[in-house]
Amino acid sequence: MNRSVSLDILKIVLALMVVGIHSGFLEDISALGRYLTVAGLFRIAVPIFFIINGFFFFSMPPEKITTWFKRVVILYLFWTLVYIGYWFRAETINLFEVARILKTILVGHEHLWYLPAMIGAALVLLPLRKFSTPALLIIAFALYTIGLSIQYLGNYHVITSPPIDNALNSHFVYRNFLFFAFPFFAIGYLLKKTEAYKKITMNVVVSMTLFAIALLLMENYLNFKYKVAAKGFDIFLFLILACPLVFITALKLDIRGESKTLALYSTGIYFIHPLFISIIKKYVDIGGTLLTFLVASISVVAAWLLIKINAKLKFIL
């Protein structure tokens, strides 16, 4: 199989960014540095994962779509069971706890939210595939704008009513399959459908990417300056510009190869790293920067082991 190694390398970098987010990279060194990375630049990771999956979803034969859904569901169920000790508390079963458990299963525990969100995004896209490219883009940007508006209204506490403000600040209200995953998934799908990326030169793409990242960091800095640093953001105005451009840059590098191993490393790192964060934090008191490097290193080794296991049990990565 001829693969884009440049995309696989990008996926590893993105997975390591997620490790940095969850470990608190730079939090013990610089508040601004942490905010510009953990709460800023590193937030390109998950959206680009959605773009990549949407990109390859376009080329999927109709008869394999059901298989794709089954594979993602099985992957999700497996890792949900791996982390069951973190979200299931049998000793406190009551109506409220049952509702919380059902929500966790539907939305996803912590980092696992990515999988049900991707399933939801693909389900939304299926009936919209026959729409024209402009129509699908308008839908994607409209939904993203709704999610962006909810997050900004919530983070800046524009609406003073506590119930409404609390709702606006709930992750699953804005960071979900509809307002977050679908727009990026659809963009990836359309990039493959139109092959628009082929019409842009590498120099132009790199320049646009650097400019978009600069805009993203500027937006992030302004949020830091106006005292919303404690909450942080998942959705940014310039995220939907920067993420496709970073993806296109990696795509146009066009480093080719045959092995899928690099891609499996990124998957393994993404799914296993929170386990090591919780274990290390339980026994060792270290700063977020060192924790990031330590967890990243251990996760790479663990990913290697998972790849070996996945050769026999093909549903874990």
C-alpha atoms as a PDB file:
ATOM      1  CA  MET A   1       0.000   0.000   0.000  1.00  0.00           C
ATOM      2  CA  ASN A   2       1.405   3.365  -1.062  1.00  0.00           C
ATOM      3  CA  ARG A   3       0.952   5.765   1.855  1.00  0.00           C
ATOM      4  CA  SER A   4       1.644   9.401   2.610  1.00  0.00           C
ATOM      5  CA  VAL A   5       4.435   9.138   5.164  1.00  0.00           C
ATOM      6  CA  SER A   6       4.357  12.911   5.609  1.00  0.00           C
ATOM      7  CA  LEU A   7       0.770  12.624   6.890  1.00  0.00           C
ATOM      8  CA  ASP A   8       1.763   9.760   9.191  1.00  0.00           C
ATOM      9  CA  ILE A   9       4.586  11.886  10.633  1.00  0.00           C
ATOM     10  CA  LEU A  10       2.139  14.764  11.079  1.00  0.00           C
ATOM     11  CA  LYS A  11      -0.194  12.435  12.990  1.00  0.00           C
ATOM     12  CA  ILE A  12       2.599  11.502  15.407  1.00  0.00           C
ATOM     13  CA  VAL A  13       3.367  15.189  15.999  1.00  0.00           C
ATOM     14  CA  LEU A  14      -0.336  15.831  16.611  1.00  0.00           C
ATOM     15  CA  ALA A  15      -0.586  12.906  19.035  1.00  0.00           C
ATOM     16  CA  LEU A  16       2.378  14.321  20.973  1.00  0.00           C
ATOM     17  CA  MET A  17       0.614  17.695  21.064  1.00  0.00           C
ATOM     18  CA  VAL A  18      -2.345  15.965  22.710  1.00  0.00           C
ATOM     19  CA  VAL A  19       0.061  14.503  25.273  1.00  0.00           C
ATOM     20  CA  GLY A  20       1.279  18.048  25.936  1.00  0.00           C
ATOM     21  CA  ILE A  21      -2.280  19.309  26.384  1.00  0.00           C
ATOM     22  CA  HIS A  22      -3.173  16.660  28.944  1.00  0.00           C
ATOM     23  CA  SER A  23       0.178  16.784  30.759  1.00  0.00           C
ATOM     24  CA  GLY A  24       0.212  20.566  31.201  1.00  0.00           C
ATOM     25  CA  PHE A  25       3.204  21.437  29.023  1.00  0.00           C
ATOM     26  CA  LEU A  26       5.003  24.616  30.218  1.00  0.00           C
ATOM     27  CA  GLU A  27       2.527  25.229  33.070  1.00  0.00           C
ATOM     28  CA  ASP A  28       5.406  25.146  35.564  1.00  0.00           C
ATOM     29  CA  ILE A  29       7.538  27.536  33.485  1.00  0.00           C
ATOM     30  CA  SER A  30       5.355  30.202  31.896  1.00  0.00           C
ATOM     31  CA  ALA A  31       1.631  30.940  32.125  1.00  0.00           C
ATOM     32  CA  LEU A  32       1.699  32.620  28.720  1.00  0.00           C
ATOM     33  CA  GLY A  33       3.842  29.863  27.209  1.00  0.00           C
ATOM     34  CA  ARG A  34       1.423  27.228  28.476  1.00  0.00           C
ATOM     35  CA  TYR A  35      -1.542  29.148  27.123  1.00  0.00           C
ATOM     36  CA  LEU A  36      -0.046  29.702  23.670  1.00  0.00           C
ATOM     37  CA  THR A  37       0.801  25.999  23.345  1.00  0.00           C
ATOM     38  CA  VAL A  38      -1.512  23.850  25.474  1.00  0.00           C
ATOM     39  CA  ALA A  39      -4.520  26.138  25.070  1.00  0.00           C
ATOM     40  CA  GLY A  40      -3.518  27.436  21.648  1.00  0.00           C
ATOM     41  CA  LEU A  41      -1.232  25.898  19.032  1.00  0.00           C
ATOM     42  CA  PHE A  42      -1.668  22.318  20.263  1.00  0.00           C
ATOM     43  CA  ARG A  43      -5.428  22.652  19.714  1.00  0.00           C
ATOM     44  CA  ILE A  44      -4.878  22.064  16.006  1.00  0.00           C
ATOM     45  CA  ALA A  45      -4.328  18.365  16.747  1.00  0.00           C
ATOM     46  CA  VAL A  46      -7.822  16.880  16.975  1.00  0.00           C
ATOM     47  CA  PRO A  47      -9.346  19.004  14.172  1.00  0.00           C
ATOM     48  CA  ILE A  48      -6.593  17.844  11.810  1.00  0.00           C
ATOM     49  CA  PHE A  49      -7.321  14.240  12.807  1.00  0.00           C
ATOM     50  CA  PHE A  50     -10.922  14.872  11.723  1.00  0.00           C
ATOM     51  CA  ILE A  51      -9.724  16.431   8.452  1.00  0.00           C
ATOM     52  CA  ILE A  52      -7.504  13.420   7.722  1.00  0.00           C
ATOM     53  CA  ASN A  53     -10.343  10.974   8.344  1.00  0.00           C
ATOM     54  CA  GLY A  54     -12.759  13.016   6.234  1.00  0.00           C
ATOM     55  CA  PHE A  55     -10.175  13.188   3.438  1.00  0.00           C
ATOM     56  CA  PHE A  56      -9.900   9.405   3.211  1.00  0.00           C
ATOM     57  CA  PHE A  57     -13.622   8.886   3.815  1.00  0.00           C
ATOM     58  CA  PHE A  58     -14.291  10.342   0.357  1.00  0.00           C
ATOM     59  CA  SER A  59     -12.381   7.540  -1.397  1.00  0.00           C
ATOM     60  CA  MET A  60     -14.032   4.779   0.609  1.00  0.00           C
ATOM     61  CA  PRO A  61     -16.063   2.371  -1.568  1.00  0.00           C
ATOM     62  CA  PRO A  62     -19.759   2.311  -0.552  1.00  0.00           C
ATOM     63  CA  GLU A  63     -19.551  -1.360   0.419  1.00  0.00           C
ATOM     64  CA  LYS A  64     -16.777  -0.585   2.936  1.00  0.00           C
ATOM     65  CA  ILE A  65     -18.508   2.271   4.758  1.00  0.00           C
ATOM     66  CA  THR A  66     -20.415  -0.066   7.088  1.00  0.00           C
ATOM     67  CA  THR A  67     -17.160  -1.888   7.846  1.00  0.00           C
ATOM     68  CA  TRP A  68     -15.525   1.453   8.673  1.00  0.00           C
ATOM     69  CA  PHE A  69     -18.288   2.335  11.124  1.00  0.00           C
ATOM     70  CA  LYS A  70     -18.056  -1.100  12.764  1.00  0.00           C
ATOM     71  CA  ARG A  71     -14.304  -0.770  13.115  1.00  0.00           C
ATOM     72  CA  VAL A  72     -14.532   2.660  14.773  1.00  0.00           C
ATOM     73  CA  VAL A  73     -17.306   1.468  17.123  1.00  0.00           C
ATOM     74  CA  ILE A  74     -15.276  -1.597  18.150  1.00  0.00           C
ATOM     75  CA  LEU A  75     -12.185   0.570  18.659  1.00  0.00           C
ATOM     76  CA  TYR A  76     -14.234   2.908  20.831  1.00  0.00           C
ATOM     77  CA  LEU A  77     -15.777   0.108  22.896  1.00  0.00           C
ATOM     78  CA  PHE A  78     -12.372  -1.486  23.478  1.00  0.00           C
ATOM     79  CA  TRP A  79     -10.739   1.696  24.791  1.00  0.00           C
ATOM     80  CA  THR A  80     -13.851   2.618  26.767  1.00  0.00           C
ATOM     81  CA  LEU A  81     -13.454  -0.711  28.574  1.00  0.00           C
ATOM     82  CA  VAL A  82      -9.724  -0.068  29.072  1.00  0.00           C
ATOM     83  CA  TYR A  83     -10.603   3.137  30.951  1.00  0.00           C
ATOM     84  CA  ILE A  84     -13.692   1.758  32.719  1.00  0.00           C
ATOM     85  CA  GLY A  85     -12.023   2.173  36.100  1.00  0.00           C
ATOM     86  CA  TYR A  86     -11.892   5.920  35.514  1.00  0.00           C
ATOM     87  CA  TRP A  87     -15.549   6.513  34.647  1.00  0.00           C
ATOM     88  CA  PHE A  88     -17.591   3.691  36.213  1.00  0.00           C
ATOM     89  CA  ARG A  89     -18.278   3.773  39.952  1.00  0.00           C
ATOM     90  CA  ALA A  90     -20.415   0.787  40.961  1.00  0.00           C
ATOM     91  CA  GLU A  91     -20.571   1.808  44.620  1.00  0.00           C
ATOM     92  CA  THR A  92     -22.618   4.927  43.890  1.00  0.00           C
ATOM     93  CA  ILE A  93     -25.264   3.644  41.496  1.00  0.00           C
ATOM     94  CA  ASN A  94     -28.362   5.844  41.473  1.00  0.00           C
ATOM     95  CA  LEU A  95     -30.469   7.581  38.836  1.00  0.00           C
ATOM     96  CA  PHE A  96     -28.031  10.486  38.520  1.00  0.00           C
ATOM     97  CA  GLU A  97     -25.065   8.119  38.224  1.00  0.00           C
ATOM     98  CA  VAL A  98     -26.825   6.010  35.579  1.00  0.00           C
ATOM     99  CA  ALA A  99     -27.470   9.179  33.555  1.00  0.00           C
ATOM    100  CA  ARG A 100     -23.801  10.184  33.920  1.00  0.00           C
ATOM    101  CA  ILE A 101     -22.646   6.730  32.792  1.00  0.00           C
ATOM    102  CA  LEU A 102     -24.944   6.788  29.760  1.00  0.00           C
ATOM    103  CA  LYS A 103     -23.676  10.254  28.855  1.00  0.00           C
ATOM    104  CA  THR A 104     -20.069   9.051  29.185  1.00  0.00           C
ATOM    105  CA  ILE A 105     -20.743   6.084  26.911  1.00  0.00           C
ATOM    106  CA  LEU A 106     -22.476   8.238  24.301  1.00  0.00           C
ATOM    107  CA  VAL A 107     -20.124  11.235  24.411  1.00  0.00           C
ATOM    108  CA  GLY A 108     -16.891   9.494  25.426  1.00  0.00           C
ATOM    109  CA  HIS A 109     -14.633   9.505  28.472  1.00  0.00           C
ATOM    110  CA  GLU A 110     -12.092  12.338  28.340  1.00  0.00           C
ATOM    111  CA  HIS A 111      -9.928  11.912  25.202  1.00  0.00           C
ATOM    112  CA  LEU A 112     -12.163   9.140  23.843  1.00  0.00           C
ATOM    113  CA  TRP A 113     -14.786  11.746  22.863  1.00  0.00           C
ATOM    114  CA  TYR A 114     -12.958  11.925  19.536  1.00  0.00           C
ATOM    115  CA  LEU A 115     -14.328   8.570  18.336  1.00  0.00           C
ATOM    116  CA  PRO A 116     -18.093   9.054  18.900  1.00  0.00           C
ATOM    117  CA  ALA A 117     -17.687  12.591  17.533  1.00  0.00           C
ATOM    118  CA  MET A 118     -16.108  11.194  14.366  1.00  0.00           C
ATOM    119  CA  ILE A 119     -18.877   8.596  14.041  1.00  0.00           C
ATOM    120  CA  GLY A 120     -21.463  11.353  14.396  1.00  0.00           C
ATOM    121  CA  ALA A 121     -19.669  13.550  11.859  1.00  0.00           C
ATOM    122  CA  ALA A 122     -19.598  10.730   9.312  1.00  0.00           C
ATOM    123  CA  LEU A 123     -23.298   9.981   9.891  1.00  0.00           C
ATOM    124  CA  VAL A 124     -24.154  13.642   9.280  1.00  0.00           C
ATOM    125  CA  LEU A 125     -22.019  13.711   6.136  1.00  0.00           C
ATOM    126  CA  LEU A 126     -23.524  10.589   4.544  1.00  0.00           C
ATOM    127  CA  PRO A 127     -26.853  12.166   3.477  1.00  0.00           C
ATOM    128  CA  LEU A 128     -25.096  15.421   2.516  1.00  0.00           C
ATOM    129  CA  ARG A 129     -22.553  13.931   0.108  1.00  0.00           C
ATOM    130  CA  LYS A 130     -24.664  14.770  -2.950  1.00  0.00           C
ATOM    131  CA  PHE A 131     -24.817  18.436  -1.986  1.00  0.00           C
ATOM    132  CA  SER A 132     -22.704  20.794  -4.059  1.00  0.00           C
ATOM    133  CA  THR A 133     -19.299  21.784  -2.703  1.00  0.00           C
ATOM    134  CA  PRO A 134     -20.398  25.386  -1.927  1.00  0.00           C
ATOM    135  CA  ALA A 135     -23.533  24.148  -0.135  1.00  0.00           C
ATOM    136  CA  LEU A 136     -21.587  21.663   1.986  1.00  0.00           C
ATOM    137  CA  LEU A 137     -18.998  24.321   2.822  1.00  0.00           C
ATOM    138  CA  ILE A 138     -21.720  26.746   3.896  1.00  0.00           C
ATOM    139  CA  ILE A 139     -23.266  24.092   6.160  1.00  0.00           C
ATOM    140  CA  ALA A 140     -19.873  23.236   7.664  1.00  0.00           C
ATOM    141  CA  PHE A 141     -18.939  26.867   8.334  1.00  0.00           C
ATOM    142  CA  ALA A 142     -22.412  27.676   9.680  1.00  0.00           C
ATOM    143  CA  LEU A 143     -22.251  24.819  12.182  1.00  0.00           C
ATOM    144  CA  TYR A 144     -18.699  25.751  13.156  1.00  0.00           C
ATOM    145  CA  THR A 145     -19.792  29.353  13.704  1.00  0.00           C
ATOM    146  CA  ILE A 146     -22.522  28.162  16.068  1.00  0.00           C
ATOM    147  CA  GLY A 147     -19.998  26.158  18.096  1.00  0.00           C
ATOM    148  CA  LEU A 148     -17.533  29.061  18.075  1.00  0.00           C
ATOM    149  CA  SER A 149     -20.239  31.466  19.254  1.00  0.00           C
ATOM    150  CA  ILE A 150     -21.322  29.152  22.065  1.00  0.00           C
ATOM    151  CA  GLN A 151     -17.739  28.811  23.306  1.00  0.00           C
ATOM    152  CA  TYR A 152     -17.010  32.544  23.220  1.00  0.00           C
ATOM    153  CA  LEU A 153     -20.332  33.444  24.852  1.00  0.00           C
ATOM    154  CA  GLY A 154     -19.604  30.909  27.569  1.00  0.00           C
ATOM    155  CA  ASN A 155     -15.946  31.725  28.168  1.00  0.00           C
ATOM    156  CA  TYR A 156     -16.595  35.449  28.358  1.00  0.00           C
ATOM    157  CA  HIS A 157     -19.760  34.882  30.422  1.00  0.00           C
ATOM    158  CA  VAL A 158     -21.762  37.218  28.192  1.00  0.00           C
ATOM    159  CA  ILE A 159     -25.055  35.769  29.416  1.00  0.00           C
ATOM    160  CA  THR A 160     -25.317  36.287  33.166  1.00  0.00           C
ATOM    161  CA  SER A 161     -28.054  33.731  33.834  1.00  0.00           C
ATOM    162  CA  PRO A 162     -26.216  30.921  35.726  1.00  0.00           C
ATOM    163  CA  PRO A 163     -28.118  27.992  34.128  1.00  0.00           C
ATOM    164  CA  ILE A 164     -27.524  29.322  30.608  1.00  0.00           C
ATOM    165  CA  ASP A 165     -23.908  30.261  31.339  1.00  0.00           C
ATOM    166  CA  ASN A 166     -23.236  26.802  32.789  1.00  0.00           C
ATOM    167  CA  ALA A 167     -24.787  25.176  29.728  1.00  0.00           C
ATOM    168  CA  LEU A 168     -22.689  27.309  27.376  1.00  0.00           C
ATOM    169  CA  ASN A 169     -19.561  26.231  29.264  1.00  0.00           C
ATOM    170  CA  SER A 170     -20.313  22.501  28.996  1.00  0.00           C
ATOM    171  CA  HIS A 171     -17.873  20.799  26.645  1.00  0.00           C
ATOM    172  CA  PHE A 172     -20.408  18.560  24.966  1.00  0.00           C
ATOM    173  CA  VAL A 173     -22.619  21.548  24.054  1.00  0.00           C
ATOM    174  CA  TYR A 174     -20.043  23.035  21.647  1.00  0.00           C
ATOM    175  CA  ARG A 175     -17.242  20.478  21.281  1.00  0.00           C
ATOM    176  CA  ASN A 176     -19.332  17.759  19.721  1.00  0.00           C
ATOM    177  CA  PHE A 177     -19.917  15.868  16.488  1.00  0.00           C
ATOM    178  CA  LEU A 178     -22.104  18.593  14.975  1.00  0.00           C
ATOM    179  CA  PHE A 179     -20.406  21.895  15.769  1.00  0.00           C
ATOM    180  CA  PHE A 180     -16.798  20.702  15.907  1.00  0.00           C
ATOM    181  CA  ALA A 181     -16.130  17.305  14.335  1.00  0.00           C
ATOM    182  CA  PHE A 182     -18.398  17.612  11.296  1.00  0.00           C
ATOM    183  CA  PRO A 183     -17.018  20.919   9.952  1.00  0.00           C
ATOM    184  CA  PHE A 184     -13.448  19.577   9.888  1.00  0.00           C
ATOM    185  CA  PHE A 185     -14.515  16.130   8.658  1.00  0.00           C
ATOM    186  CA  ALA A 186     -16.443  17.802   5.830  1.00  0.00           C
ATOM    187  CA  ILE A 187     -13.474  20.026   4.942  1.00  0.00           C
ATOM    188  CA  GLY A 188     -11.251  16.952   4.646  1.00  0.00           C
ATOM    189  CA  TYR A 189     -13.892  15.256   2.512  1.00  0.00           C
ATOM    190  CA  LEU A 190     -14.151  18.281   0.201  1.00  0.00           C
ATOM    191  CA  LEU A 191     -10.382  18.656  -0.103  1.00  0.00           C
ATOM    192  CA  LYS A 192     -10.236  15.149  -1.529  1.00  0.00           C
ATOM    193  CA  LYS A 193     -13.363  15.625  -3.649  1.00  0.00           C
ATOM    194  CA  THR A 194     -12.193  18.858  -5.283  1.00  0.00           C
ATOM    195  CA  GLU A 195      -8.436  18.219  -5.053  1.00  0.00           C
ATOM    196  CA  ALA A 196      -8.140  21.974  -4.586  1.00  0.00           C
ATOM    197  CA  TYR A 197      -4.862  21.486  -2.708  1.00  0.00           C
ATOM    198  CA  LYS A 198      -3.185  20.411  -5.958  1.00  0.00           C
ATOM    199  CA  LYS A 199      -3.763  23.840  -7.461  1.00  0.00           C
ATOM    200  CA  ILE A 200      -1.729  25.674  -4.811  1.00  0.00           C
ATOM    201  CA  THR A 201       2.065  25.827  -4.908  1.00  0.00           C
ATOM    202  CA  MET A 202       4.089  24.711  -1.915  1.00  0.00           C
ATOM    203  CA  ASN A 203       5.498  28.201  -1.327  1.00  0.00           C
ATOM    204  CA  VAL A 204       2.014  29.698  -1.202  1.00  0.00           C
ATOM    205  CA  VAL A 205       0.736  26.962   1.129  1.00  0.00           C
ATOM    206  CA  VAL A 206       3.639  27.371   3.552  1.00  0.00           C
ATOM    207  CA  SER A 207       3.214  31.159   3.597  1.00  0.00           C
ATOM    208  CA  MET A 208      -0.530  30.852   4.183  1.00  0.00           C
ATOM    209  CA  THR A 209       0.015  28.238   6.897  1.00  0.00           C
ATOM    210  CA  LEU A 210       2.484  30.392   8.811  1.00  0.00           C
ATOM    211  CA  PHE A 211       0.151  33.382   8.514  1.00  0.00           C
ATOM    212  CA  ALA A 212      -2.826  31.345   9.734  1.00  0.00           C
ATOM    213  CA  ILE A 213      -0.850  30.007  12.712  1.00  0.00           C
ATOM    214  CA  ALA A 214       0.232  33.570  13.539  1.00  0.00           C
ATOM    215  CA  LEU A 215      -3.436  34.644  13.494  1.00  0.00           C
ATOM    216  CA  LEU A 216      -4.359  31.692  15.710  1.00  0.00           C
ATOM    217  CA  LEU A 217      -1.654  32.585  18.234  1.00  0.00           C
ATOM    218  CA  MET A 218      -2.703  36.249  18.147  1.00  0.00           C
ATOM    219  CA  GLU A 219      -6.304  35.258  18.887  1.00  0.00           C
ATOM    220  CA  ASN A 220      -5.047  33.027  21.667  1.00  0.00           C
ATOM    221  CA  TYR A 221      -2.907  35.802  23.140  1.00  0.00           C
ATOM    222  CA  LEU A 222      -5.861  38.202  23.171  1.00  0.00           C
ATOM    223  CA  ASN A 223      -7.925  35.631  25.058  1.00  0.00           C
ATOM    224  CA  PHE A 224      -5.065  35.307  27.546  1.00  0.00           C
ATOM    225  CA  LYS A 225      -4.788  39.075  27.887  1.00  0.00           C
ATOM    226  CA  TYR A 226      -8.507  39.447  28.572  1.00  0.00           C
ATOM    227  CA  LYS A 227      -8.367  37.008  31.461  1.00  0.00           C
ATOM    228  CA  VAL A 228     -10.000  33.888  30.098  1.00  0.00           C
ATOM    229  CA  ALA A 229      -6.794  31.903  30.557  1.00  0.00           C
ATOM    230  CA  ALA A 230      -8.229  29.678  33.276  1.00  0.00           C
ATOM    231  CA  LYS A 231     -10.951  28.259  31.033  1.00  0.00           C
ATOM    232  CA  GLY A 232      -9.151  27.961  27.732  1.00  0.00           C
ATOM    233  CA  PHE A 233     -10.684  27.301  24.327  1.00  0.00           C
ATOM    234  CA  ASP A 234     -11.278  24.311  22.085  1.00  0.00           C
ATOM    235  CA  ILE A 235     -12.753  26.326  19.209  1.00  0.00           C
ATOM    236  CA  PHE A 236     -11.002  29.371  17.752  1.00  0.00           C
ATOM    237  CA  LEU A 237     -11.965  31.714  14.948  1.00  0.00           C
ATOM    238  CA  PHE A 238      -8.744  30.972  13.055  1.00  0.00           C
ATOM    239  CA  LEU A 239      -8.611  27.250  13.857  1.00  0.00           C
ATOM    240  CA  ILE A 240     -10.746  26.426  10.833  1.00  0.00           C
ATOM    241  CA  LEU A 241      -8.235  28.308   8.663  1.00  0.00           C
ATOM    242  CA  ALA A 242      -5.005  27.008  10.216  1.00  0.00           C
ATOM    243  CA  CYS A 243      -5.898  23.310  10.429  1.00  0.00           C
ATOM    244  CA  PRO A 244      -6.687  22.688   6.741  1.00  0.00           C
ATOM    245  CA  LEU A 245      -3.538  24.590   5.750  1.00  0.00           C
ATOM    246  CA  VAL A 246      -1.301  22.536   8.062  1.00  0.00           C
ATOM    247  CA  PHE A 247      -2.889  19.397   6.614  1.00  0.00           C
ATOM    248  CA  ILE A 248      -2.370  20.580   3.023  1.00  0.00           C
ATOM    249  CA  THR A 249       1.271  21.430   3.787  1.00  0.00           C
ATOM    250  CA  ALA A 250       1.920  17.883   5.011  1.00  0.00           C
ATOM    251  CA  LEU A 251       0.000  16.452   2.067  1.00  0.00           C
ATOM    252  CA  LYS A 252       2.038  18.420  -0.473  1.00  0.00           C
ATOM    253  CA  LEU A 253       5.324  17.289   1.053  1.00  0.00           C
ATOM    254  CA  ASP A 254       4.294  13.977  -0.514  1.00  0.00           C
ATOM    255  CA  ILE A 255       6.770  11.667   1.200  1.00  0.00           C
ATOM    256  CA  ARG A 256       5.640   8.178   0.186  1.00  0.00           C
ATOM    257  CA  GLY A 257       6.090   4.798   1.814  1.00  0.00           C
ATOM    258  CA  GLU A 258       4.540   1.375   2.264  1.00  0.00           C
ATOM    259  CA  SER A 259       4.400   0.813   6.021  1.00  0.00           C
ATOM    260  CA  LYS A 260       1.411   1.729   8.207  1.00  0.00           C
ATOM    261  CA  THR A 261       3.504   1.535  11.384  1.00  0.00           C
ATOM    262  CA  LEU A 262       3.941   5.298  11.873  1.00  0.00           C
ATOM    263  CA  ALA A 263       0.180   5.808  11.709  1.00  0.00           C
ATOM    264  CA  LEU A 264      -0.322   3.085  14.314  1.00  0.00           C
ATOM    265  CA  TYR A 265       2.198   4.805  16.602  1.00  0.00           C
ATOM    266  CA  SER A 266       0.115   7.984  16.562  1.00  0.00           C
ATOM    267  CA  THR A 267      -3.049   6.016  17.376  1.00  0.00           C
ATOM    268  CA  GLY A 268      -1.327   4.131  20.180  1.00  0.00           C
ATOM    269  CA  ILE A 269       0.131   7.295  21.713  1.00  0.00           C
ATOM    270  CA  TYR A 270      -3.235   9.044  21.560  1.00  0.00           C
ATOM    271  CA  PHE A 271      -5.181   6.295  23.288  1.00  0.00           C
ATOM    272  CA  ILE A 272      -2.684   5.098  25.908  1.00  0.00           C
ATOM    273  CA  HIS A 273      -1.064   8.302  27.201  1.00  0.00           C
ATOM    274  CA  PRO A 274      -3.750   9.332  29.770  1.00  0.00           C
ATOM    275  CA  LEU A 275      -3.151   6.045  31.569  1.00  0.00           C
ATOM    276  CA  PHE A 276       0.483   6.986  32.197  1.00  0.00           C
ATOM    277  CA  ILE A 277      -0.413  10.544  33.182  1.00  0.00           C
ATOM    278  CA  SER A 278      -2.723   9.270  35.917  1.00  0.00           C
ATOM    279  CA  ILE A 279      -0.215   6.675  37.160  1.00  0.00           C
ATOM    280  CA  ILE A 280       2.725   9.093  37.278  1.00  0.00           C
ATOM    281  CA  LYS A 281       0.672  11.843  38.948  1.00  0.00           C
ATOM    282  CA  LYS A 282      -0.456   9.383  41.595  1.00  0.00           C
ATOM    283  CA  TYR A 283       3.066   8.548  42.719  1.00  0.00           C
ATOM    284  CA  VAL A 284       5.295  11.440  41.611  1.00  0.00           C
ATOM    285  CA  ASP A 285       4.948  15.198  41.975  1.00  0.00           C
ATOM    286  CA  ILE A 286       6.564  16.703  38.882  1.00  0.00           C
ATOM    287  CA  GLY A 287       5.940  19.749  36.717  1.00  0.00           C
ATOM    288  CA  GLY A 288       3.876  19.613  33.561  1.00  0.00           C
ATOM    289  CA  THR A 289       6.828  20.092  31.208  1.00  0.00           C
ATOM    290  CA  LEU A 290       8.813  17.140  32.535  1.00  0.00           C
ATOM    291  CA  LEU A 291       5.595  15.129  32.760  1.00  0.00           C
ATOM    292  CA  THR A 292       4.963  15.803  29.070  1.00  0.00           C
ATOM    293  CA  PHE A 293       8.351  14.448  27.997  1.00  0.00           C
ATOM    294  CA  LEU A 294       8.140  11.501  30.394  1.00  0.00           C
ATOM    295  CA  VAL A 295       4.634  10.495  29.310  1.00  0.00           C
ATOM    296  CA  ALA A 296       5.501  10.989  25.637  1.00  0.00           C
ATOM    297  CA  SER A 297       8.538   8.707  25.965  1.00  0.00           C
ATOM    298  CA  ILE A 298       6.660   5.982  27.818  1.00  0.00           C
ATOM    299  CA  SER A 299       3.721   6.245  25.426  1.00  0.00           C
ATOM    300  CA  VAL A 300       5.980   5.697  22.408  1.00  0.00           C
ATOM    301  CA  VAL A 301       7.275   2.471  23.976  1.00  0.00           C
ATOM    302  CA  ALA A 302       3.737   1.444  24.922  1.00  0.00           C
ATOM    303  CA  ALA A 303       2.580   2.180  21.368  1.00  0.00           C
ATOM    304  CA  TRP A 304       5.282  -0.167  20.086  1.00  0.00           C
ATOM    305  CA  LEU A 305       3.889  -2.910  22.328  1.00  0.00           C
ATOM    306  CA  LEU A 306       0.330  -2.135  21.240  1.00  0.00           C
ATOM    307  CA  ILE A 307       1.373  -2.422  17.590  1.00  0.00           C
ATOM    308  CA  LYS A 308       2.770  -5.885  18.314  1.00  0.00           C
ATOM    309  CA  ILE A 309      -0.478  -6.900  20.016  1.00  0.00           C
ATOM    310  CA  ASN A 310      -2.527  -5.318  17.236  1.00  0.00           C
ATOM    311  CA  ALA A 311      -0.847  -7.652  14.754  1.00  0.00           C
ATOM    312  CA  LYS A 312      -2.854 -10.429  16.442  1.00  0.00           C
ATOM    313  CA  LEU A 313      -5.847  -8.488  17.805  1.00  0.00           C
ATOM    314  CA  LYS A 314      -6.625  -6.024  15.043  1.00  0.00           C
ATOM    315  CA  PHE A 315      -9.281  -4.062  16.914  1.00  0.00           C
ATOM    316  CA  ILE A 316      -7.103  -2.172  19.410  1.00  0.00           C
ATOM    317  CA  LEU A 317      -5.507   0.397  17.047  1.00  0.00           C
END
